[in-house]
Every structure is written in structure tokens, then in C-alpha cells.
Amino acid sequence: MYPATGMASLQIKTAEEFAALDLEGRWTARRVARETAVFRRVLQLFVERGGPIAVEEIVAGLRGDGASTRQALGALDDDDLIRIQDGKVDVAYPFTAASTPFVVRLPDGRQRFACCAVDALGIAPMIGQPIEIRSRCHHCATPLGLTATPEGARPEGSRIMLWVGQRADDRGKIADSL
């Protein structure tokens, strides 16, 4: 931010600088990490009961060596797929234990919070079931709602439009300003 004006600075990268970030390699590694038994168990627990989830509960619920599970959880945290705070997983994309404006109602009526609107849209395909998404317009606070199925969002008749932005620091960790 520019201190005097409060305006954000715009980073312009050259093609070489952008290529040096190896974003494709990072995305591939993240896709692989999302397929691990440890990450899938964390997501399953968020779906089943929400979070936060104690690391030791995750370790106890998986077969194998507890040390390797803790190490896998640490790697998931380092890769920004989960966030561990005070011995608990409080964020596991697309879910967060914190109250956010993006409420997802599961088919049985249980509610979960998504990190953002895009994450909320991804939950139905992830769990293979239809969901309802509720939020409010950030401009006028009008309630918004739509359904999503495993095949995609169903905004028909809702007049909802979604803008997708980019974080200013693509190397950053999970945003605390959900």
C-alpha cells in the first residue's frame, strides 16, 4: 500500500519472472497432495462435523505411523492446503472453521463455511452431492443464494454473477481476512 494514498501497488512481472515462479509445478504438486489419505481424511472430517479438528484426532484416525501423519499434515500446511493453529486444523480448502459470508448447506441440512465463493462452488463436485450456497452482496448486503450440483452451479433465475480476483501475493499463506 502507498502510505499516503491508501492505494494498492500493482506488481508487473516479466514473462521470465512469471515463468520462474513455476506455478504449473506448484499446481501439480498441490493436486497430488490433495489425493493423499491424510488430506482426504481432513476433508472428510470437515464434511462430517466441521472444524477445527485436533491434529491428534486426525493422527489417531489413520492407520500407520503417527509421526509420518504429523509430517504429512505439516507438509499440507506448508503447501497452503490446510492451516494448523494451536494444534488444530482450522482451514482445509475449501472449508474453514471460521464464520465467513459463504455458508454451504449440505443435503442433510448441516452448514459449513467455505473460504470464498469459488471454494463454495467446488464443494458439490467434491462431495458428489447437491448443496445450497448462501451469502450476501458485498456492496448492498442483499441475501444471495444458489444451488450447486456435482455437475456445476445452478444460478438460473438467481441473477448472481461471480467475479474471481487474484491475491496480491501468490506466494502467501492462507488469508486471515476471510
Protein backbone atom coordinates (compact mmCIF):
# COMPACT_ATOMS: atom_id res chain seq x y z
CA MET A 1 0.00 0.00 0.00
CA TYR A 2 1.09 3.53 -0.63
CA PRO A 3 1.07 5.04 2.86
CA ALA A 4 -0.17 8.48 1.85
CA THR A 5 -2.93 7.47 -0.56
CA GLY A 6 -4.04 4.05 0.68
CA MET A 7 -3.81 2.72 -2.89
CA ALA A 8 -2.51 -0.78 -3.51
CA SER A 9 0.60 -1.19 -5.57
CA LEU A 10 0.41 -3.22 -8.77
CA GLN A 11 3.14 -5.76 -9.37
CA ILE A 12 4.09 -6.17 -13.01
CA LYS A 13 6.21 -9.20 -13.80
CA THR A 14 8.12 -10.02 -16.92
CA ALA A 15 7.44 -13.33 -18.66
CA GLU A 16 10.73 -14.64 -17.28
CA GLU A 17 9.81 -13.68 -13.71
CA PHE A 18 6.39 -15.28 -14.06
CA ALA A 19 7.86 -18.47 -15.54
CA ALA A 20 10.42 -18.60 -12.71
CA LEU A 21 7.57 -18.97 -10.21
CA ASP A 22 6.95 -22.46 -11.65
CA LEU A 23 3.24 -22.11 -10.98
CA GLU A 24 2.44 -25.17 -13.05
CA GLY A 25 4.82 -27.24 -10.95
CA ARG A 26 3.30 -25.87 -7.75
CA TRP A 27 -0.24 -26.61 -9.01
CA THR A 28 0.76 -30.16 -9.96
CA ALA A 29 2.28 -30.75 -6.53
CA ARG A 30 -0.86 -29.37 -4.85
CA ARG A 31 -3.08 -31.67 -6.95
CA VAL A 32 -1.00 -34.66 -5.89
CA ALA A 33 -1.11 -33.58 -2.22
CA ARG A 34 -4.92 -33.31 -2.37
CA GLU A 35 -5.10 -37.01 -3.24
CA THR A 36 -3.29 -38.22 -0.12
CA ALA A 37 -5.12 -40.22 2.54
CA VAL A 38 -4.25 -37.61 5.15
CA PHE A 39 -5.77 -34.69 3.23
CA ARG A 40 -8.81 -36.72 2.24
CA ARG A 41 -9.37 -37.64 5.91
CA VAL A 42 -9.16 -33.99 6.94
CA LEU A 43 -11.74 -33.06 4.31
CA GLN A 44 -13.96 -35.95 5.36
CA LEU A 45 -13.91 -34.70 8.95
CA PHE A 46 -14.80 -31.16 7.85
CA VAL A 47 -17.75 -32.52 5.88
CA GLU A 48 -18.87 -34.82 8.70
CA ARG A 49 -18.66 -32.38 11.59
CA GLY A 50 -16.92 -29.18 10.62
CA GLY A 51 -13.78 -27.86 12.22
CA PRO A 52 -11.47 -27.12 13.83
CA ILE A 53 -10.07 -30.63 14.08
CA ALA A 54 -7.33 -31.57 16.52
CA VAL A 55 -4.18 -32.85 14.82
CA GLU A 56 -4.05 -35.70 17.30
CA GLU A 57 -7.58 -36.77 16.31
CA ILE A 58 -6.51 -36.94 12.68
CA VAL A 59 -3.40 -38.92 13.63
CA ALA A 60 -5.45 -41.35 15.76
CA GLY A 61 -7.98 -41.90 12.97
CA LEU A 62 -5.46 -43.01 10.36
CA ARG A 63 -3.55 -46.25 10.17
CA GLY A 64 0.17 -46.16 10.21
CA ASP A 65 2.88 -44.24 11.94
CA GLY A 66 1.71 -41.16 13.82
CA ALA A 67 4.98 -39.38 13.08
CA SER A 68 4.52 -39.76 9.32
CA THR A 69 0.92 -38.48 9.60
CA ARG A 70 2.10 -35.44 11.55
CA GLN A 71 4.80 -34.89 8.94
CA ALA A 72 2.19 -35.15 6.14
CA LEU A 73 -0.03 -32.63 7.94
CA GLY A 74 2.95 -30.28 8.28
CA ALA A 75 3.65 -30.62 4.55
CA LEU A 76 -0.01 -29.86 3.74
CA ASP A 77 0.26 -26.75 5.93
CA ASP A 78 3.50 -25.73 4.20
CA ASP A 79 1.80 -26.21 0.80
CA ASP A 80 -1.10 -23.98 1.93
CA LEU A 81 -3.72 -26.73 1.60
CA ILE A 82 -4.54 -26.66 5.31
CA ARG A 83 -3.75 -24.37 8.20
CA ILE A 84 -2.71 -25.71 11.57
CA GLN A 85 -3.04 -23.34 14.51
CA ASP A 86 -2.75 -24.26 18.16
CA GLY A 87 -2.65 -27.99 17.34
CA LYS A 88 -5.84 -27.89 15.26
CA VAL A 89 -6.63 -27.75 11.56
CA ASP A 90 -8.88 -24.73 11.20
CA VAL A 91 -8.73 -24.41 7.40
CA ALA A 92 -8.73 -27.22 4.83
CA TYR A 93 -9.52 -25.83 1.43
CA PRO A 94 -12.34 -25.37 0.59
CA PHE A 95 -13.53 -25.37 4.24
CA THR A 96 -12.83 -23.11 7.18
CA ALA A 97 -13.86 -23.40 10.81
CA ALA A 98 -14.27 -19.63 10.99
CA SER A 99 -17.58 -17.99 10.23
CA THR A 100 -17.45 -16.49 6.73
CA PRO A 101 -20.02 -14.91 4.42
CA PHE A 102 -20.05 -18.13 2.36
CA VAL A 103 -22.37 -20.64 4.01
CA VAL A 104 -22.79 -24.04 2.42
CA ARG A 105 -25.81 -26.13 3.39
CA LEU A 106 -25.20 -29.84 2.88
CA PRO A 107 -28.06 -32.12 1.75
CA ASP A 108 -28.88 -33.15 5.33
CA GLY A 109 -29.11 -29.51 6.47
CA ARG A 110 -25.73 -29.24 8.19
CA GLN A 111 -23.93 -25.99 7.45
CA ARG A 112 -20.26 -25.47 6.72
CA PHE A 113 -18.28 -22.35 5.93
CA ALA A 114 -16.27 -22.00 2.72
CA CYS A 115 -13.16 -19.85 2.45
CA CYS A 116 -14.56 -17.95 -0.53
CA ALA A 117 -17.26 -18.06 -3.18
CA VAL A 118 -15.13 -20.13 -5.57
CA ASP A 119 -14.42 -22.67 -2.81
CA ALA A 120 -18.15 -22.87 -2.05
CA LEU A 121 -18.84 -23.69 -5.70
CA GLY A 122 -16.34 -26.56 -5.58
CA ILE A 123 -17.89 -28.37 -2.63
CA ALA A 124 -20.77 -30.06 -4.53
CA PRO A 125 -18.46 -31.75 -7.06
CA MET A 126 -16.07 -32.65 -4.24
CA ILE A 127 -18.69 -34.45 -2.14
CA GLY A 128 -20.74 -35.67 -5.10
CA GLN A 129 -23.98 -34.20 -3.75
CA PRO A 130 -26.05 -31.06 -4.34
CA ILE A 131 -25.61 -28.17 -1.93
CA GLU A 132 -27.05 -24.73 -1.28
CA ILE A 133 -24.80 -21.70 -1.08
CA ARG A 134 -25.84 -18.60 0.83
CA SER A 135 -24.06 -15.27 1.08
CA ARG A 136 -24.72 -11.54 0.85
CA CYS A 137 -23.81 -8.96 -1.73
CA HIS A 138 -20.63 -7.22 -0.56
CA HIS A 139 -21.98 -3.95 -1.92
CA CYS A 140 -25.59 -3.77 -0.70
CA ALA A 141 -25.94 -6.77 1.67
CA THR A 142 -28.80 -8.29 -0.34
CA PRO A 143 -29.06 -12.01 0.51
CA LEU A 144 -27.78 -14.26 -2.28
CA GLY A 145 -28.40 -17.93 -2.77
CA LEU A 146 -27.95 -20.60 -5.37
CA THR A 147 -27.71 -24.34 -5.61
CA ALA A 148 -24.81 -26.32 -6.96
CA THR A 149 -24.76 -29.93 -8.05
CA PRO A 150 -21.79 -32.17 -8.76
CA GLU A 151 -22.20 -31.05 -12.38
CA GLY A 152 -21.87 -27.36 -11.50
CA ALA A 153 -23.65 -24.29 -10.17
CA ARG A 154 -27.32 -23.73 -10.90
CA PRO A 155 -27.73 -19.95 -10.79
CA GLU A 156 -30.75 -19.97 -13.14
CA GLY A 157 -33.17 -17.29 -12.03
CA SER A 158 -30.84 -16.06 -9.29
CA ARG A 159 -29.21 -13.29 -11.34
CA ILE A 160 -25.96 -13.98 -9.48
CA MET A 161 -22.60 -13.19 -11.04
CA LEU A 162 -19.23 -14.15 -9.59
CA TRP A 163 -16.00 -12.21 -10.04
CA VAL A 164 -12.77 -14.04 -9.40
CA GLY A 165 -9.75 -11.98 -8.38
CA GLN A 166 -6.14 -12.79 -7.64
CA ARG A 167 -4.34 -12.47 -4.34
CA ALA A 168 -1.71 -9.78 -4.41
CA ASP A 169 0.96 -12.14 -3.07
CA ASP A 170 0.67 -15.51 -4.82
CA ARG A 171 3.36 -16.92 -2.53
CA GLY A 172 1.38 -16.10 0.61
CA LYS A 173 -0.26 -18.38 3.08
CA ILE A 174 -3.94 -18.64 3.83
CA ALA A 175 -5.57 -15.25 4.14
CA ASP A 176 -6.67 -14.34 7.65
CA SER A 177 -9.18 -11.86 6.29
CA LEU A 178 -11.80 -14.36 5.17
